[in-house]
Amino acid sequence: MQNTLFAATFVVDYLGMGISLWLALYLLARGFPSRVTIRAAIALFTLSVFFLSASINLYLQIPGSTAIRAIMLTIGLAVWRDLTPNIISPNTHNKNEWIVAAIYIFAFITAALLFGTHEVFIQEQTNLLFVGRMKLGYQYTVYAIYLWCVGLSILYSLQLRRKTGVEQVNVYFVVASILIVSEIAYGSFSLALTSPSPRIIQDALITVGVIFLGISVARHQTLVERRTALYELPIHALVTFIITSVYVVIAWEWSHMMTAVILTAYLAVFTHSLYGLVSEIIGTLAAKRESEYRQQLRHLEKDTSSEITLETRLENGLKLLSEILEASGGFVATRHADEFIVTASFHSLDVKTTLPKVEMAADNDIYAPPENLADAVAWIAPAFKDAEQLALVGIGHPREKHHYSADDLDLLTEAASRVASILALSKTQSWESDPRASLESESAQLISTLVTNPDPKFLKMVEDALRNLSDIITLGQAPLADELKISGATHIDRGKTLRQDLMDAINALRPEGTRPKDSLPREWENYVILHDAYIEGVQNREVMMRLYISEGTFNRSRRKALRGVARYLLEKPRS
């Protein structure tokens, strides 16, 4: 019986340690810097230390470890109480901040009294499977009163939900809080009882409470903060469990010591979860910097002063292109008879540099530079207007990454197309509308193309949604519907709305006039590729034959068309 209780207690403590530590870092990575997430992460981390000490204590008795566990529980409960109104009834939080402040002060006093107290816990070295008992005295009195104050305060916060009329209840958090309050009641009575109480009951209540807390916070991030998806939780948990199991087996084969196995498991979960946390924080900071940078670009996009020269417009475009692609620089060389002369440059070839003429077919988007330019230039894109090559747009080598992605090169070719339109307008002497306004419009479109270059993750969402264009049920549950904040009474209504938005985006790419029956001009490529593939369901090979283009050109044009649809969805005003 004793061996069974020992094994069961170890399993509960071991699982509680791994789950609470993993959840703390996983939720923090997905929700930083949300105040709900930070508080939940602190509570879970302190409970992971509680379980770590409890697990090790079964095999290695360390004086004062019971007090450490009591301190961790004290801190965790204080943060749990602070977390409660943020999830249950956020509107009442400001009205009761004095309660939270009082709990934190009480927790500090309790932790200070428990710190370094060995003699207050009875038979600490032999009381392995039972709740640590305390001598009756002022330390027990303060600790017991604190536990009951926190427990009652948590129940009070749960009760406030009914008074404030909160309709959508986070049931998982309510269950987690009830389990924790039950643990408080069981633990506080067990502290002073003469006969010992099994520790497994207390630890099991905390472990299950931790699981429900993690689910509740993940649910809050998904439904309220729109930060993560619930389906990620079990997948990430399974991967972490497999990795940790490998480390645990190695540690046991190496040492045959349970304390080494426990510490190895804790470090494995911590290091691998910490790596994910750091990656998410770096990604968040990068996205923030990109957002700030794009705001500056949009400010530049609105600057359409008629005093800006053609060279200045091209230089502005090159600067933006270089910054977005993280390129060392770029240039635009315009065509003069049988040669190209650099007209605008940003940290690249000198202005008025002469480049040899390279005849390109209108469906050839990009090529590597000649050997004499290879040190300064990475790629060159010809700029065509109505099958006439007007210029070359080149970019330097990447500043940090090893090579440009396919999306980067697609953006280069699209920018080259915009440059061709600007140059064509600048050479025209008579326009139906105001010439200056037309040039400003084309320049603004070049800047807009660079500014609104969609994120690859968003492009993937758009592509997945287009593949399910005929399935409104799948569309209603698609991540793109959440990203665009499409609302509806049911997921079917959301699917219908998203489908219509996608159809409108594809139709927005359609040129004016009737679609030619024979050979299709280049301006029809974007529309035909998406319309025929996703609306008519035509195979890609047949679309290539209709357009008389190669597979490489088809793939580049398809990515360009997808970016056009993505921009349309991002720029479309929503009520």
Protein backbone atom coordinates (compact mmCIF):
# COMPACT_ATOMS: atom_id res chain seq x y z
CA MET A 1 0.00 0.00 0.00
CA GLN A 2 2.81 2.38 0.92
CA ASN A 3 4.61 1.65 -2.35
CA THR A 4 1.43 2.28 -4.35
CA LEU A 5 0.85 5.60 -2.59
CA PHE A 6 4.49 6.56 -3.19
CA ALA A 7 4.30 5.78 -6.89
CA ALA A 8 0.96 7.55 -7.32
CA THR A 9 2.22 10.64 -5.48
CA PHE A 10 5.35 10.77 -7.64
CA VAL A 11 3.34 10.47 -10.87
CA VAL A 12 1.00 13.30 -9.81
CA ASP A 13 3.89 15.57 -8.75
CA TYR A 14 5.92 14.76 -11.88
CA LEU A 15 3.00 15.49 -14.20
CA GLY A 16 2.12 18.63 -12.29
CA MET A 17 5.71 19.86 -12.59
CA GLY A 18 5.94 19.29 -16.36
CA ILE A 19 2.45 20.53 -17.24
CA SER A 20 2.61 23.72 -15.16
CA LEU A 21 6.09 24.66 -16.44
CA TRP A 22 5.19 23.94 -20.07
CA LEU A 23 1.91 25.86 -19.84
CA ALA A 24 3.63 28.84 -18.20
CA LEU A 25 6.09 29.30 -21.07
CA TYR A 26 3.72 28.20 -23.84
CA LEU A 27 1.00 30.66 -22.85
CA LEU A 28 3.54 33.43 -22.28
CA ALA A 29 4.96 32.88 -25.76
CA ARG A 30 1.52 33.07 -27.35
CA GLY A 31 0.14 35.94 -25.30
CA PHE A 32 2.97 38.29 -24.28
CA PRO A 33 2.52 41.10 -23.18
CA SER A 34 -1.13 40.51 -22.22
CA ARG A 35 -1.72 41.13 -18.50
CA VAL A 36 -3.86 37.99 -18.31
CA THR A 37 -1.09 35.89 -19.83
CA ILE A 38 1.68 37.35 -17.67
CA ARG A 39 -0.25 36.71 -14.46
CA ALA A 40 -1.17 33.18 -15.52
CA ALA A 41 2.45 32.46 -16.44
CA ILE A 42 3.71 33.65 -13.04
CA ALA A 43 1.12 31.53 -11.20
CA LEU A 44 1.94 28.46 -13.27
CA PHE A 45 5.70 28.92 -12.92
CA THR A 46 5.54 29.16 -9.11
CA LEU A 47 3.41 26.01 -9.06
CA SER A 48 5.98 24.25 -11.26
CA VAL A 49 8.64 25.02 -8.64
CA PHE A 50 6.22 23.71 -5.99
CA PHE A 51 5.91 20.40 -7.86
CA LEU A 52 9.65 20.26 -8.60
CA SER A 53 10.42 20.49 -4.88
CA ALA A 54 7.71 17.95 -4.06
CA SER A 55 9.06 15.46 -6.62
CA ILE A 56 12.67 15.75 -5.49
CA ASN A 57 11.66 15.55 -1.83
CA LEU A 58 10.40 12.01 -2.39
CA TYR A 59 13.95 10.86 -3.16
CA LEU A 60 16.16 13.50 -1.54
CA GLN A 61 15.02 15.22 1.64
CA ILE A 62 16.32 18.78 1.77
CA PRO A 63 15.80 20.77 4.99
CA GLY A 64 13.50 23.74 4.42
CA SER A 65 11.96 22.36 1.22
CA THR A 66 8.49 22.25 2.80
CA ALA A 67 8.74 25.97 3.56
CA ILE A 68 9.83 26.62 -0.05
CA ARG A 69 6.74 24.81 -1.32
CA ALA A 70 4.54 26.81 1.05
CA ILE A 71 6.09 30.07 -0.22
CA MET A 72 5.57 29.05 -3.86
CA LEU A 73 1.96 28.22 -3.10
CA THR A 74 1.55 31.56 -1.34
CA ILE A 75 2.84 33.51 -4.35
CA GLY A 76 0.89 31.41 -6.86
CA LEU A 77 -2.39 31.91 -5.01
CA ALA A 78 -1.90 35.68 -4.79
CA VAL A 79 -1.34 35.92 -8.53
CA TRP A 80 -4.27 33.56 -9.17
CA ARG A 81 -6.53 35.91 -7.21
CA ASP A 82 -5.23 38.86 -9.25
CA LEU A 83 -5.91 36.91 -12.45
CA THR A 84 -9.50 36.03 -11.56
CA PRO A 85 -11.26 39.36 -12.30
CA ASN A 86 -9.30 39.80 -15.54
CA ILE A 87 -10.83 36.61 -16.96
CA ILE A 88 -14.20 36.41 -15.19
CA SER A 89 -15.38 40.03 -14.98
CA PRO A 90 -12.88 42.59 -16.33
CA ASN A 91 -15.27 45.52 -15.75
CA THR A 92 -15.14 45.08 -11.96
CA HIS A 93 -11.36 45.01 -11.73
CA ASN A 94 -10.80 48.71 -11.11
CA LYS A 95 -13.46 48.79 -8.40
CA ASN A 96 -11.70 46.14 -6.31
CA GLU A 97 -8.00 46.86 -6.81
CA TRP A 98 -7.62 47.46 -3.08
CA ILE A 99 -8.45 43.77 -2.47
CA VAL A 100 -5.71 42.65 -4.86
CA ALA A 101 -3.22 45.04 -3.25
CA ALA A 102 -4.14 43.76 0.22
CA ILE A 103 -3.70 40.13 -0.91
CA TYR A 104 -0.25 40.89 -2.31
CA ILE A 105 0.83 42.63 0.92
CA PHE A 106 -0.53 39.72 2.97
CA ALA A 107 1.32 37.26 0.68
CA PHE A 108 4.59 39.15 1.18
CA ILE A 109 4.21 39.04 4.96
CA THR A 110 3.32 35.34 4.92
CA ALA A 111 6.24 34.44 2.66
CA ALA A 112 8.63 36.40 4.88
CA LEU A 113 7.45 34.48 7.97
CA LEU A 114 7.81 31.13 6.18
CA PHE A 115 11.23 31.88 4.71
CA GLY A 116 13.99 30.00 6.50
CA THR A 117 11.68 28.31 9.03
CA HIS A 118 12.67 24.65 9.45
CA GLU A 119 11.41 23.90 12.91
CA VAL A 120 7.82 25.02 12.31
CA PHE A 121 7.09 21.99 10.10
CA ILE A 122 6.74 18.70 12.00
CA GLN A 123 8.82 15.64 10.95
CA GLU A 124 9.82 17.24 7.67
CA GLN A 125 12.45 14.58 6.91
CA THR A 126 10.10 11.60 7.28
CA ASN A 127 6.72 13.06 6.30
CA LEU A 128 7.17 12.32 2.58
CA LEU A 129 3.72 11.22 1.42
CA PHE A 130 1.60 13.49 3.58
CA VAL A 131 0.78 17.18 3.76
CA GLY A 132 3.41 19.05 5.74
CA ARG A 133 2.08 19.74 9.23
CA MET A 134 2.88 22.87 11.21
CA LYS A 135 3.18 23.58 14.90
CA LEU A 136 0.38 25.73 16.22
CA GLY A 137 1.68 29.26 16.60
CA TYR A 138 1.72 32.66 14.95
CA GLN A 139 3.26 31.30 11.74
CA TYR A 140 0.54 28.71 11.33
CA THR A 141 -2.12 31.29 12.21
CA VAL A 142 -0.89 33.82 9.62
CA TYR A 143 -0.48 31.14 6.93
CA ALA A 144 -3.91 29.61 7.57
CA ILE A 145 -5.65 33.00 7.63
CA TYR A 146 -3.89 33.93 4.39
CA LEU A 147 -5.04 30.74 2.67
CA TRP A 148 -8.65 31.30 3.70
CA CYS A 149 -8.56 34.99 2.73
CA VAL A 150 -7.32 34.11 -0.74
CA GLY A 151 -9.83 31.28 -1.12
CA LEU A 152 -12.78 33.42 -0.08
CA SER A 153 -11.54 36.30 -2.24
CA ILE A 154 -11.42 34.02 -5.29
CA LEU A 155 -14.99 32.86 -4.58
CA TYR A 156 -16.03 36.49 -4.17
CA SER A 157 -14.60 37.34 -7.59
CA LEU A 158 -16.47 34.42 -9.12
CA GLN A 159 -19.66 35.65 -7.49
CA LEU A 160 -19.17 39.14 -8.95
CA ARG A 161 -19.66 37.63 -12.41
CA ARG A 162 -23.37 37.19 -11.71
CA LYS A 163 -23.76 40.72 -10.39
CA THR A 164 -22.09 42.27 -13.43
CA GLY A 165 -24.17 40.20 -15.85
CA VAL A 166 -21.30 38.49 -17.65
CA GLU A 167 -22.96 36.11 -20.10
CA GLN A 168 -20.10 34.18 -21.68
CA VAL A 169 -18.56 32.35 -18.76
CA ASN A 170 -15.08 30.89 -18.94
CA VAL A 171 -16.20 27.59 -17.44
CA TYR A 172 -12.68 26.15 -17.43
CA PHE A 173 -11.40 28.94 -15.19
CA VAL A 174 -14.37 28.57 -12.84
CA VAL A 175 -13.63 24.86 -12.49
CA ALA A 176 -9.91 25.56 -12.00
CA SER A 177 -10.66 28.12 -9.27
CA ILE A 178 -13.05 25.77 -7.45
CA LEU A 179 -10.37 23.06 -7.48
CA ILE A 180 -7.81 25.49 -6.04
CA VAL A 181 -10.22 26.64 -3.32
CA SER A 182 -10.86 22.97 -2.50
CA GLU A 183 -7.09 22.46 -2.19
CA ILE A 184 -6.88 25.47 0.13
CA ALA A 185 -9.55 24.00 2.38
CA TYR A 186 -7.93 20.56 2.42
CA GLY A 187 -4.39 21.88 2.90
CA SER A 188 -5.16 24.40 5.65
CA PHE A 189 -6.95 21.79 7.78
CA SER A 190 -4.22 19.21 7.14
CA LEU A 191 -1.56 21.57 8.46
CA ALA A 192 -2.77 21.21 12.06
CA LEU A 193 -4.27 17.73 12.12
CA THR A 194 -2.64 15.19 14.41
CA SER A 195 -3.01 12.34 11.93
CA PRO A 196 -1.31 13.03 8.59
CA SER A 197 -3.36 13.59 5.42
CA PRO A 198 -2.25 12.10 2.09
CA ARG A 199 -0.42 14.69 0.00
CA ILE A 200 -1.64 13.15 -3.24
CA ILE A 201 -5.12 14.66 -2.77
CA GLN A 202 -3.72 18.18 -2.43
CA ASP A 203 -1.30 17.78 -5.32
CA ALA A 204 -3.91 16.17 -7.57
CA LEU A 205 -6.31 19.07 -6.98
CA ILE A 206 -3.57 21.54 -7.93
CA THR A 207 -2.51 19.52 -11.01
CA VAL A 208 -6.04 19.29 -12.41
CA GLY A 209 -6.56 22.96 -11.55
CA VAL A 210 -3.41 23.82 -13.49
CA ILE A 211 -4.70 21.96 -16.54
CA PHE A 212 -8.03 23.78 -16.45
CA LEU A 213 -6.24 27.09 -15.88
CA GLY A 214 -4.09 26.52 -18.98
CA ILE A 215 -7.12 25.68 -21.12
CA SER A 216 -9.03 28.71 -19.82
CA VAL A 217 -6.19 31.13 -20.60
CA ALA A 218 -5.65 29.57 -24.05
CA ARG A 219 -9.39 29.94 -24.65
CA HIS A 220 -9.19 33.57 -23.54
CA GLN A 221 -6.30 34.19 -25.95
CA THR A 222 -8.25 32.58 -28.78
CA LEU A 223 -11.69 34.10 -28.29
CA VAL A 224 -10.88 37.45 -26.69
CA GLU A 225 -7.36 38.45 -27.68
CA ARG A 226 -7.24 36.57 -31.04
CA ARG A 227 -3.66 35.50 -30.35
CA THR A 228 -3.60 31.75 -30.84
CA ALA A 229 -5.68 28.76 -31.85
CA LEU A 230 -6.83 26.07 -29.43
CA TYR A 231 -5.83 23.27 -31.78
CA GLU A 232 -2.17 24.25 -31.29
CA LEU A 233 -2.29 23.32 -27.60
CA PRO A 234 -2.41 19.49 -27.85
CA ILE A 235 0.02 19.43 -30.78
CA HIS A 236 2.61 21.49 -28.91
CA ALA A 237 2.05 19.43 -25.76
CA LEU A 238 2.61 16.16 -27.63
CA VAL A 239 5.84 17.38 -29.23
CA THR A 240 7.17 18.62 -25.88
CA PHE A 241 6.22 15.33 -24.19
CA ILE A 242 8.08 13.28 -26.82
CA ILE A 243 11.22 15.43 -26.61
CA THR A 244 11.22 15.39 -22.80
CA SER A 245 10.70 11.62 -22.74
CA VAL A 246 13.81 11.13 -24.85
CA TYR A 247 15.87 13.22 -22.42
CA VAL A 248 14.39 11.39 -19.43
CA VAL A 249 15.31 7.97 -20.85
CA ILE A 250 18.86 9.12 -21.55
CA ALA A 251 19.19 10.60 -18.04
CA TRP A 252 17.98 7.35 -16.44
CA GLU A 253 20.30 5.17 -18.52
CA TRP A 254 23.18 7.48 -17.72
CA SER A 255 22.74 7.91 -13.95
CA HIS A 256 19.99 5.60 -12.60
CA MET A 257 19.12 8.43 -10.19
CA MET A 258 15.56 9.73 -9.96
CA THR A 259 16.67 13.18 -8.84
CA ALA A 260 18.73 13.47 -12.05
CA VAL A 261 15.72 12.31 -14.09
CA ILE A 262 13.44 14.90 -12.45
CA LEU A 263 15.89 17.75 -12.96
CA THR A 264 16.54 16.66 -16.55
CA ALA A 265 12.81 16.63 -17.30
CA TYR A 266 12.39 20.09 -15.78
CA LEU A 267 15.34 21.51 -17.74
CA ALA A 268 14.18 19.84 -20.97
CA VAL A 269 10.72 21.38 -20.74
CA PHE A 270 12.18 24.72 -19.66
CA THR A 271 14.82 25.04 -22.38
CA HIS A 272 12.65 23.90 -25.27
CA SER A 273 9.72 26.04 -24.17
CA LEU A 274 12.05 28.97 -23.53
CA TYR A 275 13.33 28.70 -27.11
CA GLY A 276 9.74 28.98 -28.36
CA LEU A 277 9.15 31.94 -26.04
CA VAL A 278 12.22 33.79 -27.29
CA SER A 279 11.25 33.10 -30.91
CA GLU A 280 7.75 34.46 -30.34
CA ILE A 281 9.06 37.58 -28.59
CA ILE A 282 11.53 38.25 -31.39
CA GLY A 283 8.75 37.76 -33.93
CA THR A 284 6.46 40.11 -32.00
CA LEU A 285 9.14 42.80 -31.79
CA ALA A 286 9.93 42.38 -35.48
CA ALA A 287 6.24 42.70 -36.35
CA LYS A 288 6.01 45.82 -34.22
CA ARG A 289 9.02 47.36 -35.93
CA GLU A 290 7.57 46.42 -39.31
CA SER A 291 4.23 47.98 -38.37
CA GLU A 292 5.94 51.22 -37.34
CA TYR A 293 7.99 51.17 -40.53
CA ARG A 294 4.92 50.62 -42.69
CA GLN A 295 3.22 53.56 -41.02
CA GLN A 296 6.14 55.70 -42.17
CA LEU A 297 5.78 54.25 -45.65
CA ARG A 298 2.08 55.07 -45.75
CA HIS A 299 2.92 58.61 -44.75
CA LEU A 300 5.29 58.74 -47.70
CA GLU A 301 2.61 57.23 -49.93
CA LYS A 302 0.36 60.23 -49.23
CA ASP A 303 3.08 62.65 -50.31
CA THR A 304 2.14 63.29 -53.96
CA SER A 305 3.49 66.78 -54.31
CA SER A 306 3.55 67.91 -57.93
CA GLU A 307 7.03 69.31 -57.39
CA ILE A 308 8.60 65.84 -57.05
CA THR A 309 10.71 64.95 -60.07
CA LEU A 310 10.65 61.63 -61.88
CA GLU A 311 14.11 60.74 -60.50
CA THR A 312 12.99 61.49 -56.96
CA ARG A 313 9.92 59.29 -57.36
CA LEU A 314 12.08 56.42 -58.57
CA GLU A 315 14.61 56.94 -55.77
CA ASN A 316 11.80 56.86 -53.18
CA GLY A 317 10.55 53.60 -54.65
CA LEU A 318 14.06 52.12 -54.65
CA LYS A 319 14.59 53.11 -51.04
CA LEU A 320 11.36 51.43 -49.96
CA LEU A 321 12.08 48.36 -52.04
CA SER A 322 15.56 48.03 -50.54
CA GLU A 323 14.27 48.46 -46.99
CA ILE A 324 11.45 45.94 -47.38
CA LEU A 325 13.67 43.33 -49.05
CA GLU A 326 16.56 44.16 -46.67
CA ALA A 327 18.74 44.71 -49.73
CA SER A 328 22.01 46.62 -49.79
CA GLY A 329 20.62 48.94 -52.46
CA GLY A 330 18.99 49.15 -55.86
CA PHE A 331 18.90 51.03 -59.15
CA VAL A 332 16.68 51.86 -62.11
CA ALA A 333 18.29 52.05 -65.56
CA THR A 334 16.11 53.50 -68.33
CA ARG A 335 16.43 52.53 -71.97
CA HIS A 336 18.13 54.87 -74.45
CA ALA A 337 18.33 53.35 -77.93
CA ASP A 338 20.46 50.20 -77.55
CA GLU A 339 21.68 50.73 -74.01
CA PHE A 340 20.42 51.30 -70.48
CA ILE A 341 21.56 54.23 -68.37
CA VAL A 342 21.16 54.32 -64.59
CA THR A 343 18.64 57.09 -63.88
CA ALA A 344 18.02 56.55 -60.17
CA SER A 345 20.11 54.75 -57.57
CA PHE A 346 20.00 53.99 -53.85
CA HIS A 347 23.35 52.75 -52.47
CA SER A 348 24.01 50.96 -55.74
CA LEU A 349 25.46 51.74 -59.18
CA ASP A 350 26.38 55.33 -59.91
CA VAL A 351 23.87 57.44 -61.78
CA LYS A 352 24.63 57.64 -65.55
CA THR A 353 26.34 54.25 -65.47
CA THR A 354 25.81 52.56 -68.84
CA LEU A 355 24.61 48.96 -68.94
CA PRO A 356 24.62 46.73 -72.01
CA LYS A 357 21.29 46.00 -73.62
CA VAL A 358 19.86 42.59 -72.78
CA GLU A 359 16.84 41.68 -74.88
CA MET A 360 14.28 39.85 -72.78
CA ALA A 361 10.99 38.24 -73.66
CA ALA A 362 7.96 39.89 -72.11
CA ASP A 363 7.24 36.77 -70.03
CA ASN A 364 10.75 36.64 -68.54
CA ASP A 365 10.52 38.33 -65.13
CA ILE A 366 14.01 38.21 -63.67
CA TYR A 367 17.61 37.22 -64.39
CA ALA A 368 21.05 37.18 -62.77
CA PRO A 369 23.41 40.09 -63.58
CA PRO A 370 26.47 39.77 -65.84
CA GLU A 371 29.78 38.91 -64.15
CA ASN A 372 31.05 42.49 -64.09
CA LEU A 373 28.03 43.51 -61.95
CA ALA A 374 27.75 40.37 -59.80
CA ASP A 375 29.54 41.92 -56.82
CA ALA A 376 27.13 44.87 -56.59
CA VAL A 377 23.90 43.43 -58.01
CA ALA A 378 22.04 40.24 -57.06
CA TRP A 379 19.07 40.28 -59.45
CA ILE A 380 17.77 42.37 -62.33
CA ALA A 381 14.15 42.60 -63.42
CA PRO A 382 13.20 44.01 -66.83
CA ALA A 383 10.43 46.61 -66.79
CA PHE A 384 7.91 46.08 -69.62
CA LYS A 385 4.98 48.17 -70.79
CA ASP A 386 2.88 46.71 -73.63
CA ALA A 387 5.64 44.22 -74.54
CA GLU A 388 8.21 47.06 -74.76
CA GLN A 389 11.18 46.91 -72.43
CA LEU A 390 11.59 50.40 -70.95
CA ALA A 391 14.00 49.87 -68.07
CA LEU A 392 15.90 47.55 -65.78
CA VAL A 393 15.36 47.42 -62.01
CA GLY A 394 18.17 45.86 -59.99
CA ILE A 395 18.71 45.09 -56.32
CA GLY A 396 21.89 44.47 -54.38
CA HIS A 397 22.68 41.46 -52.25
CA PRO A 398 20.76 40.84 -48.99
CA ARG A 399 22.18 42.62 -45.97
CA GLU A 400 21.56 39.80 -43.47
CA LYS A 401 19.91 36.74 -45.01
CA HIS A 402 21.69 34.38 -47.39
CA HIS A 403 19.32 34.72 -50.35
CA TYR A 404 16.03 36.25 -51.43
CA SER A 405 12.84 34.23 -51.13
CA ALA A 406 10.44 33.65 -54.00
CA ASP A 407 8.10 36.26 -52.47
CA ASP A 408 10.96 38.79 -52.40
CA LEU A 409 11.69 38.27 -56.10
CA ASP A 410 7.99 38.44 -56.94
CA LEU A 411 7.85 41.83 -55.25
CA LEU A 412 10.85 42.94 -57.32
CA THR A 413 9.13 41.98 -60.58
CA GLU A 414 5.92 43.70 -59.50
CA ALA A 415 7.84 46.85 -58.63
CA ALA A 416 9.53 46.70 -62.05
CA SER A 417 6.09 46.58 -63.67
CA ARG A 418 5.06 49.72 -61.75
CA VAL A 419 8.28 51.46 -62.77
CA ALA A 420 7.50 50.70 -66.42
CA SER A 421 4.09 52.37 -66.05
CA ILE A 422 5.69 55.47 -64.50
CA LEU A 423 8.26 55.72 -67.29
CA ALA A 424 5.63 55.21 -69.98
CA LEU A 425 3.56 58.07 -68.58
CA SER A 426 6.57 60.34 -68.22
CA LYS A 427 7.30 59.97 -71.96
CA THR A 428 3.74 60.58 -73.11
CA GLN A 429 3.09 64.13 -74.25
CA SER A 430 -0.72 64.11 -74.44
CA TRP A 431 -3.04 62.46 -71.99
CA GLU A 432 -6.76 62.45 -71.76
CA SER A 433 -6.53 63.55 -68.13
CA ASP A 434 -4.12 65.82 -66.32
CA PRO A 435 -0.60 64.45 -66.97
CA ARG A 436 0.74 65.38 -63.57
CA ALA A 437 -2.17 63.66 -61.81
CA SER A 438 -1.63 60.48 -63.85
CA LEU A 439 2.07 60.37 -63.00
CA GLU A 440 1.32 60.96 -59.33
CA SER A 441 -1.27 58.18 -59.44
CA GLU A 442 1.22 55.69 -60.90
CA SER A 443 3.89 56.75 -58.40
CA ALA A 444 1.42 56.30 -55.55
CA GLN A 445 0.59 52.82 -56.85
CA LEU A 446 4.29 51.91 -56.80
CA ILE A 447 4.58 53.03 -53.18
CA SER A 448 1.30 51.27 -52.33
CA THR A 449 2.56 48.04 -53.89
CA LEU A 450 5.57 48.11 -51.58
CA VAL A 451 3.74 49.34 -48.49
CA THR A 452 0.94 46.79 -48.63
CA ASN A 453 3.09 43.80 -49.52
CA PRO A 454 1.19 41.12 -47.53
CA ASP A 455 2.79 38.96 -44.89
CA PRO A 456 3.61 35.39 -46.09
CA LYS A 457 1.39 33.91 -43.37
CA PHE A 458 -1.54 35.99 -44.56
CA LEU A 459 -0.85 34.95 -48.16
CA LYS A 460 -0.97 31.31 -47.05
CA MET A 461 -4.36 31.94 -45.43
CA VAL A 462 -5.65 33.50 -48.67
CA GLU A 463 -4.35 30.60 -50.76
CA ASP A 464 -5.93 28.00 -48.45
CA ALA A 465 -9.24 29.87 -48.54
CA LEU A 466 -9.21 30.02 -52.35
CA ARG A 467 -8.67 26.27 -52.49
CA ASN A 468 -11.88 25.86 -50.50
CA LEU A 469 -13.80 28.53 -52.40
CA SER A 470 -16.75 26.24 -53.09
CA ASP A 471 -16.97 24.97 -49.49
CA ILE A 472 -18.63 27.66 -47.37
CA ILE A 473 -18.55 25.48 -44.24
CA THR A 474 -14.76 25.21 -44.37
CA LEU A 475 -14.47 28.91 -45.27
CA GLY A 476 -16.53 29.86 -42.22
CA GLN A 477 -14.00 28.07 -39.99
CA ALA A 478 -10.92 29.22 -41.91
CA PRO A 479 -8.20 31.26 -40.15
CA LEU A 480 -8.66 33.95 -42.82
CA ALA A 481 -12.19 34.62 -41.57
CA ASP A 482 -10.79 35.24 -38.09
CA GLU A 483 -7.93 37.35 -39.44
CA LEU A 484 -10.35 39.59 -41.37
CA LYS A 485 -12.72 39.66 -38.35
CA ILE A 486 -15.65 38.54 -40.49
CA SER A 487 -18.77 38.29 -38.35
CA GLY A 488 -21.96 36.30 -38.82
CA ALA A 489 -24.73 34.58 -36.92
CA THR A 490 -23.25 31.19 -37.83
CA HIS A 491 -20.03 29.91 -39.36
CA ILE A 492 -22.00 29.32 -42.58
CA ASP A 493 -22.84 33.02 -42.76
CA ARG A 494 -19.18 33.82 -42.21
CA GLY A 495 -18.26 31.40 -44.98
CA LYS A 496 -20.68 33.05 -47.41
CA THR A 497 -19.29 36.49 -46.62
CA LEU A 498 -15.68 35.36 -47.04
CA ARG A 499 -16.50 33.61 -50.33
CA GLN A 500 -18.09 36.79 -51.69
CA ASP A 501 -15.06 38.82 -50.62
CA LEU A 502 -12.75 36.41 -52.43
CA MET A 503 -14.92 36.48 -55.55
CA ASP A 504 -14.93 40.30 -55.50
CA ALA A 505 -11.14 40.32 -55.12
CA ILE A 506 -10.66 38.04 -58.13
CA ASN A 507 -13.10 40.07 -60.24
CA ALA A 508 -11.23 43.25 -59.25
CA LEU A 509 -8.24 41.86 -61.20
CA ARG A 510 -10.32 41.58 -64.41
CA PRO A 511 -9.29 44.09 -67.10
CA GLU A 512 -11.87 46.22 -68.90
CA GLY A 513 -13.60 44.76 -71.95
CA THR A 514 -14.52 41.31 -73.15
CA ARG A 515 -12.17 38.42 -72.48
CA PRO A 516 -10.40 37.46 -75.74
CA LYS A 517 -11.17 33.99 -77.01
CA ASP A 518 -7.81 33.32 -78.61
CA SER A 519 -4.39 34.45 -77.36
CA LEU A 520 -4.77 36.32 -74.07
CA PRO A 521 -2.79 39.56 -73.57
CA ARG A 522 -0.48 39.81 -70.57
CA GLU A 523 -2.84 42.07 -68.59
CA TRP A 524 -5.33 39.18 -68.41
CA GLU A 525 -2.87 36.77 -66.74
CA ASN A 526 -3.59 37.59 -63.09
CA TYR A 527 -7.36 37.36 -63.52
CA VAL A 528 -7.37 34.26 -65.70
CA ILE A 529 -5.00 32.30 -63.45
CA LEU A 530 -7.17 32.77 -60.35
CA HIS A 531 -10.58 32.77 -62.05
CA ASP A 532 -9.99 29.64 -64.10
CA ALA A 533 -8.19 27.72 -61.35
CA TYR A 534 -10.39 28.53 -58.35
CA ILE A 535 -13.78 29.52 -59.76
CA GLU A 536 -13.96 27.23 -62.82
CA GLY A 537 -11.75 24.51 -61.32
CA VAL A 538 -9.48 24.24 -64.37
CA GLN A 539 -6.21 22.33 -63.97
CA ASN A 540 -3.03 24.42 -63.87
CA ARG A 541 -1.63 22.73 -66.97
CA GLU A 542 -4.65 23.78 -69.01
CA VAL A 543 -4.42 27.36 -67.72
CA MET A 544 -0.78 27.49 -68.86
CA MET A 545 -1.84 26.34 -72.32
CA ARG A 546 -4.54 29.01 -72.49
CA LEU A 547 -2.00 31.68 -71.62
CA TYR A 548 0.90 30.16 -73.60
CA ILE A 549 3.27 30.54 -70.66
CA SER A 550 5.82 28.28 -69.00
CA GLU A 551 5.36 26.68 -65.60
CA GLY A 552 7.89 29.06 -64.00
CA THR A 553 6.08 32.12 -65.38
CA PHE A 554 2.74 30.63 -64.31
CA ASN A 555 3.94 30.17 -60.73
CA ARG A 556 5.33 33.72 -60.54
CA SER A 557 2.16 35.19 -62.03
CA ARG A 558 0.03 33.13 -59.67
CA ARG A 559 1.93 34.41 -56.61
CA LYS A 560 1.59 37.95 -57.93
CA ALA A 561 -2.17 37.48 -58.39
CA LEU A 562 -2.47 36.05 -54.85
CA ARG A 563 -0.77 39.16 -53.47
CA GLY A 564 -3.26 41.27 -55.38
CA VAL A 565 -6.16 39.41 -53.78
CA ALA A 566 -4.52 39.69 -50.37
CA ARG A 567 -4.09 43.46 -50.78
CA TYR A 568 -7.70 43.78 -51.81
CA LEU A 569 -8.85 41.97 -48.66
CA LEU A 570 -6.58 44.04 -46.42
CA GLU A 571 -7.60 47.36 -47.96
CA LYS A 572 -11.33 46.64 -48.20
CA PRO A 573 -13.22 48.76 -45.64
CA ARG A 574 -15.34 46.78 -43.18
CA SER A 575 -18.19 47.94 -41.04
